[in-house]
Amino acid sequence: MTQGAAKRTVRVVAALIPQPGDASRFLVQQRLPGGSRGLLWEFPGGKVEPGESEPEALARECREELDVQLHVGRRLWVGTHEYSDLTVELALYAARLESGEPKTLGANALAFLTPAEMKALPFCEADIPPLEDLVAGRMDPLG
């Protein structure tokens, strides 16, 4: 190992959740202030804990942070992003709300936005490549 501490790697799962009744808008959340990447926007989700599958982790995170039950569909996008302090392995899944109204339990704000509207917001760097694919039509969010 080279000098200095190795960067931590975290596996993160995120959900692309269409707005009920309007499949052109998707749920995004603004991170809480004060923490890492505070007040930046991202797709809802969180870390995969040891022993969890990605879909299990995504359902748990959305239950804990949004107070909703999710149906997790297929994986739409996967990639890695290097921040200065950690490496994020991100997987984005198609998902839909099964029950509950999203609440800001673990976020500063929530919004259902079109991909074009999302592009105008400051997003976490790891979420930008899948957002760009969504905007460009390279991802089938409802498939």
N, C-alpha and C. Protein backbone atom coordinates (compact mmCIF):
# COMPACT_ATOMS: atom_id res chain seq x y z
N MET A 1 0.84 -1.19 0.00
CA MET A 1 0.00 0.00 0.00
C MET A 1 0.89 1.24 0.00
N THR A 2 0.45 2.25 -0.72
CA THR A 2 1.23 3.48 -0.78
C THR A 2 0.98 4.30 0.48
N GLN A 3 1.73 5.36 0.61
CA GLN A 3 1.60 6.23 1.77
C GLN A 3 0.22 6.85 1.85
N GLY A 4 -0.22 7.12 3.07
CA GLY A 4 -1.54 7.74 3.25
C GLY A 4 -2.60 6.68 3.36
N ALA A 5 -3.74 7.08 3.86
CA ALA A 5 -4.84 6.15 4.04
C ALA A 5 -5.54 5.89 2.71
N ALA A 6 -5.98 4.66 2.53
CA ALA A 6 -6.74 4.32 1.33
C ALA A 6 -8.12 4.97 1.44
N LYS A 7 -8.64 5.39 0.30
CA LYS A 7 -9.97 5.97 0.28
C LYS A 7 -11.01 4.89 0.55
N ARG A 8 -12.02 5.26 1.29
CA ARG A 8 -13.12 4.36 1.57
C ARG A 8 -13.97 4.21 0.31
N THR A 9 -14.44 2.99 0.06
CA THR A 9 -15.36 2.74 -1.04
C THR A 9 -16.71 2.38 -0.47
N VAL A 10 -17.76 3.04 -0.95
CA VAL A 10 -19.11 2.72 -0.50
C VAL A 10 -19.96 2.31 -1.69
N ARG A 11 -20.79 1.27 -1.47
CA ARG A 11 -21.76 0.86 -2.48
C ARG A 11 -23.05 1.60 -2.17
N VAL A 12 -23.55 2.32 -3.16
CA VAL A 12 -24.74 3.13 -2.99
C VAL A 12 -25.76 2.72 -4.04
N VAL A 13 -27.01 2.65 -3.61
CA VAL A 13 -28.11 2.37 -4.54
C VAL A 13 -29.04 3.56 -4.54
N ALA A 14 -29.61 3.84 -5.69
CA ALA A 14 -30.53 4.97 -5.83
C ALA A 14 -31.72 4.53 -6.66
N ALA A 15 -32.83 5.25 -6.46
CA ALA A 15 -34.08 4.90 -7.13
C ALA A 15 -34.51 5.99 -8.09
N LEU A 16 -34.95 5.58 -9.26
CA LEU A 16 -35.59 6.48 -10.21
C LEU A 16 -37.09 6.22 -10.08
N ILE A 17 -37.77 7.09 -9.33
CA ILE A 17 -39.17 6.89 -8.96
C ILE A 17 -40.05 7.88 -9.71
N PRO A 18 -40.88 7.40 -10.66
CA PRO A 18 -41.77 8.32 -11.37
C PRO A 18 -42.88 8.83 -10.45
N GLN A 19 -43.33 10.05 -10.73
CA GLN A 19 -44.44 10.62 -9.98
C GLN A 19 -45.71 9.85 -10.35
N PRO A 20 -46.48 9.40 -9.35
CA PRO A 20 -47.74 8.73 -9.69
C PRO A 20 -48.61 9.65 -10.56
N GLY A 21 -49.05 9.13 -11.69
CA GLY A 21 -49.90 9.92 -12.59
C GLY A 21 -49.15 10.79 -13.59
N ASP A 22 -47.81 10.89 -13.46
CA ASP A 22 -47.02 11.69 -14.41
C ASP A 22 -45.63 11.07 -14.56
N ALA A 23 -45.51 10.15 -15.51
CA ALA A 23 -44.27 9.39 -15.68
C ALA A 23 -43.12 10.21 -16.27
N SER A 24 -43.35 11.51 -16.53
CA SER A 24 -42.27 12.35 -17.05
C SER A 24 -41.49 13.03 -15.91
N ARG A 25 -41.97 12.89 -14.66
CA ARG A 25 -41.34 13.53 -13.50
C ARG A 25 -40.86 12.45 -12.53
N PHE A 26 -39.70 12.70 -11.91
CA PHE A 26 -39.10 11.72 -11.02
C PHE A 26 -38.71 12.39 -9.70
N LEU A 27 -38.71 11.58 -8.64
CA LEU A 27 -38.41 12.08 -7.31
C LEU A 27 -36.90 12.30 -7.14
N VAL A 28 -36.54 13.49 -6.67
CA VAL A 28 -35.17 13.80 -6.29
C VAL A 28 -35.21 14.43 -4.89
N GLN A 29 -34.07 14.34 -4.22
CA GLN A 29 -34.01 14.90 -2.86
C GLN A 29 -32.77 15.76 -2.71
N GLN A 30 -32.90 16.76 -1.85
CA GLN A 30 -31.79 17.64 -1.52
C GLN A 30 -31.19 17.16 -0.20
N ARG A 31 -29.86 16.97 -0.20
CA ARG A 31 -29.18 16.48 1.00
C ARG A 31 -29.29 17.50 2.13
N LEU A 32 -29.24 16.99 3.34
CA LEU A 32 -29.30 17.86 4.52
C LEU A 32 -28.09 18.77 4.56
N PRO A 33 -28.22 19.99 5.09
CA PRO A 33 -27.07 20.89 5.21
C PRO A 33 -26.12 20.35 6.28
N GLY A 34 -24.85 20.76 6.18
CA GLY A 34 -23.89 20.43 7.22
C GLY A 34 -23.11 19.15 7.00
N GLY A 35 -23.67 18.17 6.31
CA GLY A 35 -22.97 16.91 6.06
C GLY A 35 -22.15 17.00 4.79
N SER A 36 -21.59 15.85 4.40
CA SER A 36 -20.84 15.82 3.14
C SER A 36 -21.81 16.11 1.98
N ARG A 37 -21.37 16.92 1.06
CA ARG A 37 -22.16 17.31 -0.11
C ARG A 37 -23.52 17.90 0.29
N GLY A 38 -23.52 18.65 1.40
CA GLY A 38 -24.75 19.25 1.93
C GLY A 38 -25.44 20.14 0.91
N LEU A 39 -26.75 20.04 0.87
CA LEU A 39 -27.66 20.81 0.01
C LEU A 39 -27.55 20.50 -1.48
N LEU A 40 -26.72 19.53 -1.87
CA LEU A 40 -26.73 19.09 -3.26
C LEU A 40 -27.91 18.14 -3.46
N TRP A 41 -28.35 18.01 -4.70
CA TRP A 41 -29.49 17.15 -5.04
C TRP A 41 -29.00 15.79 -5.48
N GLU A 42 -29.86 14.77 -5.32
CA GLU A 42 -29.51 13.40 -5.69
C GLU A 42 -30.79 12.59 -5.87
N PHE A 43 -30.60 11.41 -6.47
CA PHE A 43 -31.71 10.45 -6.52
C PHE A 43 -31.80 9.80 -5.14
N PRO A 44 -33.01 9.51 -4.65
CA PRO A 44 -33.14 8.92 -3.31
C PRO A 44 -32.49 7.55 -3.24
N GLY A 45 -31.96 7.24 -2.07
CA GLY A 45 -31.34 5.94 -1.85
C GLY A 45 -30.36 6.01 -0.71
N GLY A 46 -29.35 5.16 -0.75
CA GLY A 46 -28.35 5.17 0.31
C GLY A 46 -27.40 3.99 0.21
N LYS A 47 -26.66 3.77 1.29
CA LYS A 47 -25.61 2.76 1.32
C LYS A 47 -26.19 1.35 1.41
N VAL A 48 -25.47 0.42 0.79
CA VAL A 48 -25.77 -1.01 0.90
C VAL A 48 -25.02 -1.53 2.13
N GLU A 49 -25.76 -2.11 3.07
CA GLU A 49 -25.15 -2.67 4.28
C GLU A 49 -24.68 -4.10 4.01
N PRO A 50 -23.69 -4.57 4.79
CA PRO A 50 -23.22 -5.96 4.62
C PRO A 50 -24.38 -6.95 4.72
N GLY A 51 -24.42 -7.91 3.80
CA GLY A 51 -25.45 -8.93 3.81
C GLY A 51 -26.73 -8.56 3.08
N GLU A 52 -26.84 -7.31 2.62
CA GLU A 52 -28.04 -6.87 1.89
C GLU A 52 -27.81 -6.97 0.39
N SER A 53 -28.87 -7.30 -0.34
CA SER A 53 -28.81 -7.15 -1.79
C SER A 53 -29.06 -5.69 -2.11
N GLU A 54 -28.73 -5.27 -3.32
CA GLU A 54 -28.98 -3.88 -3.70
C GLU A 54 -30.47 -3.54 -3.62
N PRO A 55 -31.38 -4.37 -4.17
CA PRO A 55 -32.80 -4.03 -4.05
C PRO A 55 -33.28 -3.96 -2.59
N GLU A 56 -32.79 -4.85 -1.72
CA GLU A 56 -33.17 -4.80 -0.30
C GLU A 56 -32.70 -3.49 0.32
N ALA A 57 -31.47 -3.10 0.03
CA ALA A 57 -30.93 -1.85 0.58
C ALA A 57 -31.75 -0.65 0.12
N LEU A 58 -32.11 -0.65 -1.15
CA LEU A 58 -32.87 0.48 -1.69
C LEU A 58 -34.25 0.58 -1.04
N ALA A 59 -34.92 -0.56 -0.88
CA ALA A 59 -36.23 -0.56 -0.23
C ALA A 59 -36.10 -0.08 1.22
N ARG A 60 -35.07 -0.54 1.93
CA ARG A 60 -34.88 -0.14 3.33
C ARG A 60 -34.59 1.35 3.44
N GLU A 61 -33.66 1.85 2.62
CA GLU A 61 -33.31 3.27 2.67
C GLU A 61 -34.52 4.16 2.40
N CYS A 62 -35.34 3.80 1.42
CA CYS A 62 -36.51 4.63 1.10
C CYS A 62 -37.58 4.53 2.19
N ARG A 63 -37.65 3.37 2.86
CA ARG A 63 -38.55 3.24 4.00
C ARG A 63 -38.09 4.15 5.14
N GLU A 64 -36.78 4.13 5.43
CA GLU A 64 -36.22 4.91 6.54
C GLU A 64 -36.21 6.41 6.26
N GLU A 65 -35.86 6.80 5.04
CA GLU A 65 -35.63 8.22 4.76
C GLU A 65 -36.83 8.93 4.14
N LEU A 66 -37.74 8.17 3.51
CA LEU A 66 -38.89 8.79 2.84
C LEU A 66 -40.23 8.32 3.39
N ASP A 67 -40.22 7.25 4.20
CA ASP A 67 -41.43 6.66 4.75
C ASP A 67 -42.36 6.17 3.64
N VAL A 68 -41.77 5.48 2.64
CA VAL A 68 -42.56 4.89 1.55
C VAL A 68 -42.17 3.43 1.36
N GLN A 69 -43.10 2.67 0.80
CA GLN A 69 -42.82 1.29 0.37
C GLN A 69 -42.57 1.36 -1.13
N LEU A 70 -41.46 0.76 -1.56
CA LEU A 70 -41.07 0.79 -2.97
C LEU A 70 -41.17 -0.58 -3.59
N HIS A 71 -41.54 -0.61 -4.86
CA HIS A 71 -41.30 -1.79 -5.68
C HIS A 71 -40.02 -1.48 -6.46
N VAL A 72 -38.99 -2.29 -6.25
CA VAL A 72 -37.71 -2.07 -6.93
C VAL A 72 -37.68 -2.93 -8.18
N GLY A 73 -37.46 -2.28 -9.31
CA GLY A 73 -37.41 -2.97 -10.60
C GLY A 73 -35.97 -3.28 -11.00
N ARG A 74 -35.70 -3.17 -12.29
CA ARG A 74 -34.39 -3.57 -12.80
C ARG A 74 -33.36 -2.44 -12.66
N ARG A 75 -32.10 -2.87 -12.68
CA ARG A 75 -31.01 -1.89 -12.60
C ARG A 75 -30.91 -1.18 -13.95
N LEU A 76 -30.88 0.15 -13.90
CA LEU A 76 -30.85 0.98 -15.11
C LEU A 76 -29.45 1.48 -15.44
N TRP A 77 -28.62 1.67 -14.42
CA TRP A 77 -27.32 2.33 -14.63
C TRP A 77 -26.39 1.91 -13.50
N VAL A 78 -25.12 1.77 -13.82
CA VAL A 78 -24.13 1.51 -12.78
C VAL A 78 -22.84 2.24 -13.16
N GLY A 79 -22.15 2.76 -12.16
CA GLY A 79 -20.90 3.47 -12.41
C GLY A 79 -20.18 3.76 -11.11
N THR A 80 -18.97 4.30 -11.24
CA THR A 80 -18.14 4.63 -10.08
C THR A 80 -17.73 6.09 -10.18
N HIS A 81 -17.74 6.76 -9.03
CA HIS A 81 -17.28 8.15 -8.99
C HIS A 81 -16.27 8.32 -7.86
N GLU A 82 -15.17 9.00 -8.16
CA GLU A 82 -14.13 9.27 -7.18
C GLU A 82 -14.30 10.68 -6.63
N TYR A 83 -14.69 10.76 -5.36
CA TYR A 83 -14.65 12.04 -4.66
C TYR A 83 -13.28 12.14 -4.00
N SER A 84 -12.92 13.30 -3.48
CA SER A 84 -11.62 13.44 -2.82
C SER A 84 -11.55 12.59 -1.56
N ASP A 85 -12.71 12.36 -0.91
CA ASP A 85 -12.70 11.65 0.37
C ASP A 85 -13.18 10.20 0.28
N LEU A 86 -13.85 9.82 -0.81
CA LEU A 86 -14.31 8.44 -0.93
C LEU A 86 -14.64 8.09 -2.36
N THR A 87 -14.76 6.79 -2.61
CA THR A 87 -15.16 6.28 -3.91
C THR A 87 -16.58 5.75 -3.77
N VAL A 88 -17.45 6.18 -4.67
CA VAL A 88 -18.85 5.74 -4.65
C VAL A 88 -19.10 4.82 -5.84
N GLU A 89 -19.56 3.61 -5.54
CA GLU A 89 -20.04 2.69 -6.58
C GLU A 89 -21.56 2.83 -6.57
N LEU A 90 -22.11 3.44 -7.61
CA LEU A 90 -23.52 3.78 -7.64
C LEU A 90 -24.29 2.89 -8.62
N ALA A 91 -25.42 2.38 -8.17
CA ALA A 91 -26.35 1.66 -9.04
C ALA A 91 -27.70 2.34 -8.95
N LEU A 92 -28.28 2.67 -10.11
CA LEU A 92 -29.60 3.31 -10.17
C LEU A 92 -30.62 2.29 -10.66
N TYR A 93 -31.71 2.18 -9.91
CA TYR A 93 -32.76 1.21 -10.21
C TYR A 93 -34.06 1.90 -10.58
N ALA A 94 -34.79 1.28 -11.51
CA ALA A 94 -36.17 1.69 -11.75
C ALA A 94 -36.97 1.28 -10.51
N ALA A 95 -37.86 2.13 -10.06
CA ALA A 95 -38.67 1.82 -8.88
C ALA A 95 -40.01 2.53 -9.01
N ARG A 96 -40.96 2.09 -8.20
CA ARG A 96 -42.24 2.80 -8.16
C ARG A 96 -42.76 2.77 -6.73
N LEU A 97 -43.51 3.81 -6.40
CA LEU A 97 -44.11 3.89 -5.07
C LEU A 97 -45.24 2.87 -4.98
N GLU A 98 -45.23 2.06 -3.92
CA GLU A 98 -46.32 1.13 -3.68
C GLU A 98 -47.27 1.69 -2.63
N SER A 99 -46.71 2.37 -1.61
CA SER A 99 -47.55 3.01 -0.61
C SER A 99 -46.76 4.09 0.09
N GLY A 100 -47.50 5.05 0.62
CA GLY A 100 -46.87 6.15 1.33
C GLY A 100 -46.68 7.38 0.45
N GLU A 101 -46.63 8.51 1.10
CA GLU A 101 -46.37 9.80 0.45
C GLU A 101 -44.96 10.19 0.88
N PRO A 102 -44.02 10.44 -0.05
CA PRO A 102 -42.64 10.74 0.36
C PRO A 102 -42.55 11.90 1.36
N LYS A 103 -41.80 11.68 2.43
CA LYS A 103 -41.59 12.69 3.48
C LYS A 103 -40.10 12.99 3.58
N THR A 104 -39.78 14.18 4.07
CA THR A 104 -38.38 14.60 4.19
C THR A 104 -37.75 14.15 5.51
N LEU A 105 -37.78 12.84 5.78
CA LEU A 105 -37.20 12.33 7.03
C LEU A 105 -35.67 12.40 6.99
N GLY A 106 -35.08 12.15 5.81
CA GLY A 106 -33.62 12.16 5.71
C GLY A 106 -33.12 13.11 4.65
N ALA A 107 -33.93 14.11 4.31
CA ALA A 107 -33.56 15.05 3.26
C ALA A 107 -34.00 16.46 3.65
N ASN A 108 -33.38 17.45 3.04
CA ASN A 108 -33.76 18.84 3.26
C ASN A 108 -35.01 19.21 2.47
N ALA A 109 -35.14 18.64 1.26
CA ALA A 109 -36.29 18.92 0.39
C ALA A 109 -36.48 17.77 -0.57
N LEU A 110 -37.70 17.62 -1.06
CA LEU A 110 -38.04 16.62 -2.07
C LEU A 110 -38.78 17.32 -3.20
N ALA A 111 -38.64 16.78 -4.42
CA ALA A 111 -39.38 17.34 -5.55
C ALA A 111 -39.53 16.29 -6.63
N PHE A 112 -40.66 16.30 -7.32
CA PHE A 112 -40.85 15.51 -8.53
C PHE A 112 -40.55 16.44 -9.70
N LEU A 113 -39.49 16.14 -10.45
CA LEU A 113 -39.04 17.03 -11.53
C LEU A 113 -38.81 16.25 -12.82
N THR A 114 -38.88 16.98 -13.94
CA THR A 114 -38.50 16.38 -15.21
C THR A 114 -36.97 16.33 -15.25
N PRO A 115 -36.39 15.46 -16.08
CA PRO A 115 -34.92 15.45 -16.20
C PRO A 115 -34.36 16.82 -16.58
N ALA A 116 -35.05 17.57 -17.44
CA ALA A 116 -34.56 18.91 -17.82
C ALA A 116 -34.55 19.84 -16.61
N GLU A 117 -35.58 19.76 -15.76
CA GLU A 117 -35.60 20.58 -14.55
C GLU A 117 -34.47 20.18 -13.59
N MET A 118 -34.18 18.88 -13.52
CA MET A 118 -33.09 18.40 -12.66
C MET A 118 -31.75 18.98 -13.09
N LYS A 119 -31.57 19.10 -14.40
CA LYS A 119 -30.28 19.59 -14.94
C LYS A 119 -29.96 21.00 -14.44
N ALA A 120 -30.98 21.76 -14.05
CA ALA A 120 -30.77 23.14 -13.59
C ALA A 120 -30.34 23.19 -12.11
N LEU A 121 -30.39 22.05 -11.42
CA LEU A 121 -30.05 22.02 -10.00
C LEU A 121 -28.62 21.54 -9.78
N PRO A 122 -28.01 21.95 -8.65
CA PRO A 122 -26.68 21.42 -8.33
C PRO A 122 -26.81 19.99 -7.79
N PHE A 123 -26.38 19.02 -8.59
CA PHE A 123 -26.48 17.60 -8.24
C PHE A 123 -25.14 17.09 -7.71
N CYS A 124 -25.20 16.06 -6.86
CA CYS A 124 -23.98 15.36 -6.43
C CYS A 124 -23.28 14.84 -7.69
N GLU A 125 -21.96 14.94 -7.71
CA GLU A 125 -21.21 14.55 -8.91
C GLU A 125 -21.48 13.11 -9.33
N ALA A 126 -21.65 12.20 -8.37
CA ALA A 126 -21.87 10.79 -8.71
C ALA A 126 -23.20 10.59 -9.44
N ASP A 127 -24.17 11.48 -9.21
CA ASP A 127 -25.50 11.35 -9.82
C ASP A 127 -25.59 12.01 -11.19
N ILE A 128 -24.58 12.77 -11.58
CA ILE A 128 -24.65 13.50 -12.86
C ILE A 128 -24.61 12.57 -14.08
N PRO A 129 -23.73 11.55 -14.15
CA PRO A 129 -23.75 10.69 -15.35
C PRO A 129 -25.09 9.99 -15.59
N PRO A 130 -25.74 9.38 -14.57
CA PRO A 130 -27.05 8.80 -14.89
C PRO A 130 -28.10 9.86 -15.23
N LEU A 131 -28.00 11.03 -14.63
CA LEU A 131 -28.93 12.11 -14.98
C LEU A 131 -28.73 12.51 -16.44
N GLU A 132 -27.48 12.61 -16.89
CA GLU A 132 -27.22 12.96 -18.29
C GLU A 132 -27.77 11.90 -19.23
N ASP A 133 -27.64 10.61 -18.86
CA ASP A 133 -28.21 9.54 -19.69
C ASP A 133 -29.73 9.65 -19.74
N LEU A 134 -30.35 10.01 -18.62
CA LEU A 134 -31.80 10.16 -18.56
C LEU A 134 -32.24 11.32 -19.45
N VAL A 135 -31.55 12.46 -19.35
CA VAL A 135 -31.88 13.64 -20.16
C VAL A 135 -31.73 13.33 -21.65
N ALA A 136 -30.68 12.57 -22.00
CA ALA A 136 -30.39 12.28 -23.41
C ALA A 136 -31.25 11.15 -23.98
N GLY A 137 -32.09 10.55 -23.12
CA GLY A 137 -32.94 9.47 -23.60
C GLY A 137 -32.22 8.14 -23.76
N ARG A 138 -31.04 8.00 -23.11
CA ARG A 138 -30.28 6.75 -23.21
C ARG A 138 -30.70 5.73 -22.15
N MET A 139 -31.74 6.05 -21.38
CA MET A 139 -32.18 5.18 -20.30
C MET A 139 -33.70 5.05 -20.41
N ASP A 140 -34.20 3.84 -20.27
CA ASP A 140 -35.66 3.64 -20.28
C ASP A 140 -36.13 3.53 -18.84
N PRO A 141 -36.54 4.65 -18.23
CA PRO A 141 -36.85 4.65 -16.81
C PRO A 141 -38.05 3.82 -16.41
N LEU A 142 -38.91 3.51 -17.35
CA LEU A 142 -40.12 2.78 -16.99
C LEU A 142 -40.05 1.32 -17.43
N GLY A 143 -38.93 0.95 -18.08
CA GLY A 143 -38.78 -0.42 -18.55
C GLY A 143 -38.48 -1.30 -17.47
